[in-house]
């Protein structure tokens, strides 16, 4: 099943996606099993929003060997997680806005995203696997000069629109046997086995819940194999087979509205 969050008449609405139709729902899939309202809209004309606004936005750093080798870092010996900010979230088809002050490398990273469906604390692996509501796609946009020169990631990874997520949550897929492909204007720039991680999502959930309580709607971004340069005027597509494609145009900052 595919669950999306769309903008309809200026407000966010949850929907179940069936082919080219978005069936409107009476609630959020995070809060339970919502029912169709009987109303639907064609998918082609809808504005996608991030499929969930998480209570806590968790993000894995170096989790693929090629990425680790690129940065000359040691391979992690245990799962460790970081955080991102909800203000950076935006939806599929909405623009990634490059701030006027950004210089140097401005990059995309295609990531698998786990959406938590139940409260977790001190979970075993089986419970961690059962806790997943579904899977979506993230684009971890980064301004590298800011990342290397600021004391924190506050703007390099958390500026408005730097975290596109969507287009929907897919509940019926094994993401660890899929392929992630990043395209710029239709040209393949990166491709890797989605499941070729140092630690998989369930390793992380087991480790995290030794110390943290996870709640329905929290998200965990799983890192990327490689980075791809972004330029205003182009479109970046991140496809994970079995889930879908997250597509966003890249624009210069010109008062572009930021919508969640």
C-alpha atoms as a PDB file:
ATOM      1  CA  UNK A   1       0.000   0.000   0.000  1.00  0.00           C
ATOM      2  CA  UNK A   2       1.159   3.536  -0.718  1.00  0.00           C
ATOM      3  CA  UNK A   3       0.300   6.428   1.584  1.00  0.00           C
ATOM      4  CA  UNK A   4       0.931  10.026   0.560  1.00  0.00           C
ATOM      5  CA  UNK A   5       0.342  13.437   2.049  1.00  0.00           C
ATOM      6  CA  UNK A   6      -0.869  15.983  -0.488  1.00  0.00           C
ATOM      7  CA  UNK A   7      -1.999  19.584  -0.574  1.00  0.00           C
ATOM      8  CA  UNK A   8      -5.657  20.009  -1.464  1.00  0.00           C
ATOM      9  CA  UNK A   9      -7.479  23.338  -1.312  1.00  0.00           C
ATOM     10  CA  UNK A  10      -4.523  24.782   0.592  1.00  0.00           C
ATOM     11  CA  UNK A  11      -4.445  22.162   3.331  1.00  0.00           C
ATOM     12  CA  UNK A  12      -2.583  18.879   3.896  1.00  0.00           C
ATOM     13  CA  UNK A  13      -4.610  15.712   3.321  1.00  0.00           C
ATOM     14  CA  UNK A  14      -3.558  12.069   3.603  1.00  0.00           C
ATOM     15  CA  UNK A  15      -4.253   9.818   0.641  1.00  0.00           C
ATOM     16  CA  UNK A  16      -3.899   6.220  -0.468  1.00  0.00           C
ATOM     17  CA  UNK A  17      -2.287   5.972  -3.879  1.00  0.00           C
ATOM     18  CA  UNK A  18      -3.746   3.451  -6.310  1.00  0.00           C
ATOM     19  CA  UNK A  19      -2.224   3.736  -9.764  1.00  0.00           C
ATOM     20  CA  UNK A  20      -2.884   7.255 -11.014  1.00  0.00           C
ATOM     21  CA  UNK A  21      -5.531   8.027  -8.386  1.00  0.00           C
ATOM     22  CA  UNK A  22      -5.152   9.516  -4.899  1.00  0.00           C
ATOM     23  CA  UNK A  23      -7.980   8.296  -2.649  1.00  0.00           C
ATOM     24  CA  UNK A  24      -8.470  10.725   0.232  1.00  0.00           C
ATOM     25  CA  UNK A  25      -8.307   9.335   3.763  1.00  0.00           C
ATOM     26  CA  UNK A  26     -10.016  10.275   7.004  1.00  0.00           C
ATOM     27  CA  UNK A  27      -6.765  10.328   8.989  1.00  0.00           C
ATOM     28  CA  UNK A  28      -3.060   9.601   9.012  1.00  0.00           C
ATOM     29  CA  UNK A  29      -1.660   6.075   8.579  1.00  0.00           C
ATOM     30  CA  UNK A  30       0.753   6.892  11.408  1.00  0.00           C
ATOM     31  CA  UNK A  31      -2.177   7.147  13.833  1.00  0.00           C
ATOM     32  CA  UNK A  32      -3.879   3.933  12.797  1.00  0.00           C
ATOM     33  CA  UNK A  33      -5.466   2.410   9.729  1.00  0.00           C
ATOM     34  CA  UNK A  34      -7.354   5.270   8.058  1.00  0.00           C
ATOM     35  CA  UNK A  35     -10.368   4.746   5.824  1.00  0.00           C
ATOM     36  CA  UNK A  36     -11.067   6.150   2.399  1.00  0.00           C
ATOM     37  CA  UNK A  37     -13.510   9.046   2.487  1.00  0.00           C
ATOM     38  CA  UNK A  38     -15.020   8.215  -0.908  1.00  0.00           C
ATOM     39  CA  UNK A  39     -13.370  11.214  -2.583  1.00  0.00           C
ATOM     40  CA  UNK A  40     -10.406  10.952  -4.940  1.00  0.00           C
ATOM     41  CA  UNK A  41      -8.299  13.140  -7.229  1.00  0.00           C
ATOM     42  CA  UNK A  42      -6.048  12.407 -10.212  1.00  0.00           C
ATOM     43  CA  UNK A  43      -2.465  11.936  -9.086  1.00  0.00           C
ATOM     44  CA  UNK A  44      -0.950  13.956 -11.909  1.00  0.00           C
ATOM     45  CA  UNK A  45      -2.257  17.276 -10.664  1.00  0.00           C
ATOM     46  CA  UNK A  46      -1.599  17.017  -6.935  1.00  0.00           C
ATOM     47  CA  UNK A  47       1.100  18.770  -4.930  1.00  0.00           C
ATOM     48  CA  UNK A  48       3.002  16.250  -2.830  1.00  0.00           C
ATOM     49  CA  UNK A  49       4.029  17.163   0.700  1.00  0.00           C
ATOM     50  CA  UNK A  50       6.472  15.163   2.843  1.00  0.00           C
ATOM     51  CA  UNK A  51       4.496  11.975   3.551  1.00  0.00           C
ATOM     52  CA  UNK A  52       5.058  12.418   7.290  1.00  0.00           C
ATOM     53  CA  UNK A  53       6.271  15.229   9.547  1.00  0.00           C
ATOM     54  CA  UNK A  54       8.292  13.290  12.114  1.00  0.00           C
ATOM     55  CA  UNK A  55       8.320  13.836  15.830  1.00  0.00           C
ATOM     56  CA  UNK A  56      12.067  13.167  15.633  1.00  0.00           C
ATOM     57  CA  UNK A  57      14.103  13.204  12.412  1.00  0.00           C
ATOM     58  CA  UNK A  58      16.999  10.739  12.730  1.00  0.00           C
ATOM     59  CA  UNK A  59      19.745  10.455  10.115  1.00  0.00           C
ATOM     60  CA  UNK A  60      22.600   8.005   9.617  1.00  0.00           C
ATOM     61  CA  UNK A  61      25.933   9.393   8.456  1.00  0.00           C
ATOM     62  CA  UNK A  62      28.571   7.136   6.900  1.00  0.00           C
ATOM     63  CA  UNK A  63      26.853   3.824   6.229  1.00  0.00           C
ATOM     64  CA  UNK A  64      28.112   2.702   2.788  1.00  0.00           C
ATOM     65  CA  UNK A  65      31.717   1.670   2.217  1.00  0.00           C
ATOM     66  CA  UNK A  66      32.189   3.693  -0.980  1.00  0.00           C
ATOM     67  CA  UNK A  67      31.090   6.858   0.814  1.00  0.00           C
ATOM     68  CA  UNK A  68      33.302   6.076   3.798  1.00  0.00           C
ATOM     69  CA  UNK A  69      36.318   5.510   1.537  1.00  0.00           C
ATOM     70  CA  UNK A  70      35.588   8.753  -0.361  1.00  0.00           C
ATOM     71  CA  UNK A  71      35.949  10.718   2.872  1.00  0.00           C
ATOM     72  CA  UNK A  72      38.893   8.666   4.130  1.00  0.00           C
ATOM     73  CA  UNK A  73      37.085   7.705   7.326  1.00  0.00           C
ATOM     74  CA  UNK A  74      37.275   4.426   9.261  1.00  0.00           C
ATOM     75  CA  UNK A  75      34.412   2.002   8.877  1.00  0.00           C
ATOM     76  CA  UNK A  76      32.097   2.394  11.906  1.00  0.00           C
ATOM     77  CA  UNK A  77      32.184  -0.477  14.384  1.00  0.00           C
ATOM     78  CA  UNK A  78      28.671   0.162  15.716  1.00  0.00           C
ATOM     79  CA  UNK A  79      25.545   2.032  14.628  1.00  0.00           C
ATOM     80  CA  UNK A  80      25.483   5.706  15.631  1.00  0.00           C
ATOM     81  CA  UNK A  81      22.829   8.160  14.582  1.00  0.00           C
ATOM     82  CA  UNK A  82      22.455  11.931  14.196  1.00  0.00           C
ATOM     83  CA  UNK A  83      19.560  14.341  13.811  1.00  0.00           C
ATOM     84  CA  UNK A  84      18.141  16.679  11.189  1.00  0.00           C
ATOM     85  CA  UNK A  85      15.582  19.485  11.383  1.00  0.00           C
ATOM     86  CA  UNK A  86      11.972  19.307  10.217  1.00  0.00           C
ATOM     87  CA  UNK A  87      12.144  22.793   8.699  1.00  0.00           C
ATOM     88  CA  UNK A  88      14.401  21.308   5.977  1.00  0.00           C
ATOM     89  CA  UNK A  89      11.691  18.891   4.785  1.00  0.00           C
ATOM     90  CA  UNK A  90       9.910  19.423   1.497  1.00  0.00           C
ATOM     91  CA  UNK A  91       7.882  17.214  -0.812  1.00  0.00           C
ATOM     92  CA  UNK A  92       8.238  15.572  -4.200  1.00  0.00           C
ATOM     93  CA  UNK A  93       8.054  17.922  -7.207  1.00  0.00           C
ATOM     94  CA  UNK A  94       8.688  20.942  -4.991  1.00  0.00           C
ATOM     95  CA  UNK A  95      11.899  22.937  -5.567  1.00  0.00           C
ATOM     96  CA  UNK A  96      15.199  22.529  -3.797  1.00  0.00           C
ATOM     97  CA  UNK A  97      16.264  26.124  -3.200  1.00  0.00           C
ATOM     98  CA  UNK A  98      19.973  26.912  -3.340  1.00  0.00           C
ATOM     99  CA  UNK A  99      20.627  29.865  -1.004  1.00  0.00           C
ATOM    100  CA  UNK A 100      22.373  32.840  -2.596  1.00  0.00           C
ATOM    101  CA  UNK A 101      25.256  32.526  -0.107  1.00  0.00           C
ATOM    102  CA  UNK A 102      26.128  28.918  -1.015  1.00  0.00           C
ATOM    103  CA  UNK A 103      29.489  28.530  -2.740  1.00  0.00           C
ATOM    104  CA  UNK A 104      31.323  25.391  -3.841  1.00  0.00           C
ATOM    105  CA  UNK A 105      29.927  21.887  -3.742  1.00  0.00           C
ATOM    106  CA  UNK A 106      26.138  21.667  -3.499  1.00  0.00           C
ATOM    107  CA  UNK A 107      25.251  17.994  -3.506  1.00  0.00           C
ATOM    108  CA  UNK A 108      22.477  15.412  -3.397  1.00  0.00           C
ATOM    109  CA  UNK A 109      22.515  12.002  -1.731  1.00  0.00           C
ATOM    110  CA  UNK A 110      19.804   9.430  -2.398  1.00  0.00           C
ATOM    111  CA  UNK A 111      18.696   7.677   0.788  1.00  0.00           C
ATOM    112  CA  UNK A 112      16.288   5.005   1.950  1.00  0.00           C
ATOM    113  CA  UNK A 113      14.017   6.247   4.747  1.00  0.00           C
ATOM    114  CA  UNK A 114      12.329   4.060   7.371  1.00  0.00           C
ATOM    115  CA  UNK A 115       9.044   5.354   8.813  1.00  0.00           C
ATOM    116  CA  UNK A 116       8.337   4.092  12.329  1.00  0.00           C
ATOM    117  CA  UNK A 117       4.838   2.753  12.969  1.00  0.00           C
ATOM    118  CA  UNK A 118       4.849   1.908  16.682  1.00  0.00           C
ATOM    119  CA  UNK A 119       6.491   2.934  19.946  1.00  0.00           C
ATOM    120  CA  UNK A 120       9.840   1.201  20.465  1.00  0.00           C
ATOM    121  CA  UNK A 121      12.128   0.907  23.501  1.00  0.00           C
ATOM    122  CA  UNK A 122      14.812  -1.761  23.957  1.00  0.00           C
ATOM    123  CA  UNK A 123      13.632  -3.552  20.835  1.00  0.00           C
ATOM    124  CA  UNK A 124      14.998  -6.853  19.597  1.00  0.00           C
ATOM    125  CA  UNK A 125      15.595  -7.346  15.889  1.00  0.00           C
ATOM    126  CA  UNK A 126      12.237  -9.022  15.214  1.00  0.00           C
ATOM    127  CA  UNK A 127      10.357  -6.226  16.997  1.00  0.00           C
ATOM    128  CA  UNK A 128      12.386  -3.632  15.095  1.00  0.00           C
ATOM    129  CA  UNK A 129      11.408  -5.256  11.805  1.00  0.00           C
ATOM    130  CA  UNK A 130       7.753  -5.331  12.793  1.00  0.00           C
ATOM    131  CA  UNK A 131       7.822  -1.681  13.865  1.00  0.00           C
ATOM    132  CA  UNK A 132       8.243  -0.280  10.356  1.00  0.00           C
ATOM    133  CA  UNK A 133       5.111   1.339   8.942  1.00  0.00           C
ATOM    134  CA  UNK A 134       6.770   1.609   5.539  1.00  0.00           C
ATOM    135  CA  UNK A 135       9.576   3.070   3.469  1.00  0.00           C
ATOM    136  CA  UNK A 136      10.082   6.257   1.551  1.00  0.00           C
ATOM    137  CA  UNK A 137      12.909   8.126  -0.218  1.00  0.00           C
ATOM    138  CA  UNK A 138      15.045  11.012   0.987  1.00  0.00           C
ATOM    139  CA  UNK A 139      17.424  13.418  -0.736  1.00  0.00           C
ATOM    140  CA  UNK A 140      20.105  14.572   1.696  1.00  0.00           C
ATOM    141  CA  UNK A 141      21.087  17.911   0.141  1.00  0.00           C
ATOM    142  CA  UNK A 142      24.299  19.400   1.542  1.00  0.00           C
ATOM    143  CA  UNK A 143      26.257  22.640   1.138  1.00  0.00           C
ATOM    144  CA  UNK A 144      29.760  21.272   1.692  1.00  0.00           C
ATOM    145  CA  UNK A 145      31.678  24.486   2.429  1.00  0.00           C
ATOM    146  CA  UNK A 146      29.226  25.258   5.215  1.00  0.00           C
ATOM    147  CA  UNK A 147      29.487  21.651   6.408  1.00  0.00           C
ATOM    148  CA  UNK A 148      33.288  21.844   6.674  1.00  0.00           C
ATOM    149  CA  UNK A 149      33.550  25.337   8.145  1.00  0.00           C
ATOM    150  CA  UNK A 150      30.568  25.632  10.526  1.00  0.00           C
ATOM    151  CA  UNK A 151      30.761  24.087  13.989  1.00  0.00           C
ATOM    152  CA  UNK A 152      27.512  22.167  13.367  1.00  0.00           C
ATOM    153  CA  UNK A 153      25.314  21.119  10.436  1.00  0.00           C
ATOM    154  CA  UNK A 154      22.744  23.796  11.304  1.00  0.00           C
ATOM    155  CA  UNK A 155      22.671  25.302   7.800  1.00  0.00           C
ATOM    156  CA  UNK A 156      24.753  22.926   5.653  1.00  0.00           C
ATOM    157  CA  UNK A 157      22.158  20.166   5.956  1.00  0.00           C
ATOM    158  CA  UNK A 158      19.181  21.870   7.606  1.00  0.00           C
ATOM    159  CA  UNK A 159      18.421  24.917   5.456  1.00  0.00           C
ATOM    160  CA  UNK A 160      14.859  25.111   4.134  1.00  0.00           C
ATOM    161  CA  UNK A 161      14.168  22.572   1.323  1.00  0.00           C
ATOM    162  CA  UNK A 162      17.454  20.667   1.900  1.00  0.00           C
ATOM    163  CA  UNK A 163      15.597  17.453   2.799  1.00  0.00           C
ATOM    164  CA  UNK A 164      13.077  16.415   0.123  1.00  0.00           C
ATOM    165  CA  UNK A 165      11.208  13.283   1.184  1.00  0.00           C
ATOM    166  CA  UNK A 166       8.569  11.211  -0.619  1.00  0.00           C
ATOM    167  CA  UNK A 167       6.666  10.859  -2.797  1.00  0.00           C
ATOM    168  CA  UNK A 168       4.843   8.378  -0.556  1.00  0.00           C
ATOM    169  CA  UNK A 169       5.271   5.659   2.066  1.00  0.00           C
ATOM    170  CA  UNK A 170       5.386   2.171   0.547  1.00  0.00           C
ATOM    171  CA  UNK A 171       4.324  -0.534   3.007  1.00  0.00           C
ATOM    172  CA  UNK A 172       4.822  -3.656   0.876  1.00  0.00           C
ATOM    173  CA  UNK A 173       8.490  -3.813  -0.118  1.00  0.00           C
ATOM    174  CA  UNK A 174      11.772  -5.304   1.057  1.00  0.00           C
ATOM    175  CA  UNK A 175      14.017  -2.262   0.595  1.00  0.00           C
ATOM    176  CA  UNK A 176      17.230  -4.162   1.214  1.00  0.00           C
ATOM    177  CA  UNK A 177      16.999  -6.015  -2.121  1.00  0.00           C
ATOM    178  CA  UNK A 178      16.340  -2.877  -4.199  1.00  0.00           C
ATOM    179  CA  UNK A 179      18.514  -0.515  -6.255  1.00  0.00           C
ATOM    180  CA  UNK A 180      18.942   3.221  -5.686  1.00  0.00           C
ATOM    181  CA  UNK A 181      19.543   5.379  -8.771  1.00  0.00           C
ATOM    182  CA  UNK A 182      20.232   9.125  -8.848  1.00  0.00           C
ATOM    183  CA  UNK A 183      19.619  10.978 -12.114  1.00  0.00           C
ATOM    184  CA  UNK A 184      20.191  14.589 -13.128  1.00  0.00           C
ATOM    185  CA  UNK A 185      17.962  15.648 -16.023  1.00  0.00           C
ATOM    186  CA  UNK A 186      17.408  11.977 -16.810  1.00  0.00           C
ATOM    187  CA  UNK A 187      21.112  11.043 -16.890  1.00  0.00           C
ATOM    188  CA  UNK A 188      22.273   8.417 -14.371  1.00  0.00           C
ATOM    189  CA  UNK A 189      24.899   9.903 -12.040  1.00  0.00           C
ATOM    190  CA  UNK A 190      24.942   7.258  -9.297  1.00  0.00           C
ATOM    191  CA  UNK A 191      23.582   3.758  -8.804  1.00  0.00           C
ATOM    192  CA  UNK A 192      24.031   1.317  -5.931  1.00  0.00           C
ATOM    193  CA  UNK A 193      22.465  -1.610  -4.119  1.00  0.00           C
ATOM    194  CA  UNK A 194      20.185  -0.069  -1.496  1.00  0.00           C
ATOM    195  CA  UNK A 195      20.867  -2.825   1.022  1.00  0.00           C
ATOM    196  CA  UNK A 196      24.673  -2.697   0.724  1.00  0.00           C
ATOM    197  CA  UNK A 197      24.969  -0.950   4.092  1.00  0.00           C
ATOM    198  CA  UNK A 198      27.469  -1.352   6.898  1.00  0.00           C
ATOM    199  CA  UNK A 199      24.517  -1.573   9.323  1.00  0.00           C
ATOM    200  CA  UNK A 200      20.940  -2.071   8.157  1.00  0.00           C
ATOM    201  CA  UNK A 201      17.882  -0.213   9.511  1.00  0.00           C
ATOM    202  CA  UNK A 202      17.133  -2.884  12.096  1.00  0.00           C
ATOM    203  CA  UNK A 203      20.683  -2.806  13.457  1.00  0.00           C
ATOM    204  CA  UNK A 204      20.146   0.893  14.030  1.00  0.00           C
ATOM    205  CA  UNK A 205      16.743   0.509  15.672  1.00  0.00           C
ATOM    206  CA  UNK A 206      18.024  -2.130  18.083  1.00  0.00           C
ATOM    207  CA  UNK A 207      20.978   0.083  19.073  1.00  0.00           C
ATOM    208  CA  UNK A 208      18.999   3.336  19.219  1.00  0.00           C
ATOM    209  CA  UNK A 209      16.225   1.952  21.397  1.00  0.00           C
ATOM    210  CA  UNK A 210      18.670   0.927  24.092  1.00  0.00           C
ATOM    211  CA  UNK A 211      18.732   4.638  24.934  1.00  0.00           C
ATOM    212  CA  UNK A 212      15.936   6.380  22.995  1.00  0.00           C
ATOM    213  CA  UNK A 213      12.199   5.830  22.710  1.00  0.00           C
ATOM    214  CA  UNK A 214      11.002   5.903  19.115  1.00  0.00           C
ATOM    215  CA  UNK A 215       7.434   6.897  18.334  1.00  0.00           C
ATOM    216  CA  UNK A 216       5.049   6.436  15.401  1.00  0.00           C
ATOM    217  CA  UNK A 217       5.947   8.887  12.643  1.00  0.00           C
ATOM    218  CA  UNK A 218       9.638   9.173  13.522  1.00  0.00           C
ATOM    219  CA  UNK A 219      11.891   8.677  10.509  1.00  0.00           C
ATOM    220  CA  UNK A 220      15.361   7.201  10.060  1.00  0.00           C
ATOM    221  CA  UNK A 221      17.366   8.175   6.956  1.00  0.00           C
ATOM    222  CA  UNK A 222      19.856   5.441   6.111  1.00  0.00           C
ATOM    223  CA  UNK A 223      22.749   7.227   4.374  1.00  0.00           C
ATOM    224  CA  UNK A 224      24.037   7.066   0.800  1.00  0.00           C
ATOM    225  CA  UNK A 225      26.704   5.368  -1.282  1.00  0.00           C
ATOM    226  CA  UNK A 226      27.806   8.507  -3.143  1.00  0.00           C
ATOM    227  CA  UNK A 227      27.148  12.193  -3.797  1.00  0.00           C
ATOM    228  CA  UNK A 228      25.951  14.024  -6.920  1.00  0.00           C
ATOM    229  CA  UNK A 229      26.516  17.701  -7.778  1.00  0.00           C
ATOM    230  CA  UNK A 230      23.393  19.877  -8.062  1.00  0.00           C
ATOM    231  CA  UNK A 231      22.971  22.946 -10.254  1.00  0.00           C
ATOM    232  CA  UNK A 232      20.044  25.383 -10.451  1.00  0.00           C
ATOM    233  CA  UNK A 233      17.965  24.769 -13.540  1.00  0.00           C
ATOM    234  CA  UNK A 234      18.311  20.982 -13.334  1.00  0.00           C
ATOM    235  CA  UNK A 235      16.014  18.287 -11.940  1.00  0.00           C
ATOM    236  CA  UNK A 236      17.219  15.544  -9.601  1.00  0.00           C
ATOM    237  CA  UNK A 237      15.408  12.204  -9.513  1.00  0.00           C
ATOM    238  CA  UNK A 238      16.083   9.587  -6.856  1.00  0.00           C
ATOM    239  CA  UNK A 239      14.553   6.211  -7.627  1.00  0.00           C
ATOM    240  CA  UNK A 240      14.468   3.232  -5.296  1.00  0.00           C
ATOM    241  CA  UNK A 241      13.005   0.236  -7.071  1.00  0.00           C
ATOM    242  CA  UNK A 242       9.895  -1.066  -5.387  1.00  0.00           C
ATOM    243  CA  UNK A 243       9.214   2.302  -3.748  1.00  0.00           C
ATOM    244  CA  UNK A 244       9.117   4.983  -6.445  1.00  0.00           C
ATOM    245  CA  UNK A 245      10.890   8.130  -7.596  1.00  0.00           C
ATOM    246  CA  UNK A 246      11.466  11.352  -5.662  1.00  0.00           C
ATOM    247  CA  UNK A 247      11.826  14.177  -8.180  1.00  0.00           C
ATOM    248  CA  UNK A 248      12.696  17.816  -7.425  1.00  0.00           C
ATOM    249  CA  UNK A 249      13.764  20.800  -9.541  1.00  0.00           C
ATOM    250  CA  UNK A 250      16.729  22.828  -8.294  1.00  0.00           C
ATOM    251  CA  UNK A 251      16.362  26.618  -8.280  1.00  0.00           C
ATOM    252  CA  UNK A 252      18.246  29.688  -7.149  1.00  0.00           C
ATOM    253  CA  UNK A 253      16.840  31.508  -4.148  1.00  0.00           C
ATOM    254  CA  UNK A 254      14.273  33.988  -5.372  1.00  0.00           C
ATOM    255  CA  UNK A 255      11.615  34.058  -2.699  1.00  0.00           C
ATOM    256  CA  UNK A 256      10.455  30.536  -3.588  1.00  0.00           C
ATOM    257  CA  UNK A 257       7.783  29.441  -1.076  1.00  0.00           C
ATOM    258  CA  UNK A 258       8.670  26.584   1.250  1.00  0.00           C
ATOM    259  CA  UNK A 259       5.749  24.261   1.923  1.00  0.00           C
ATOM    260  CA  UNK A 260       5.370  21.397   4.392  1.00  0.00           C
END
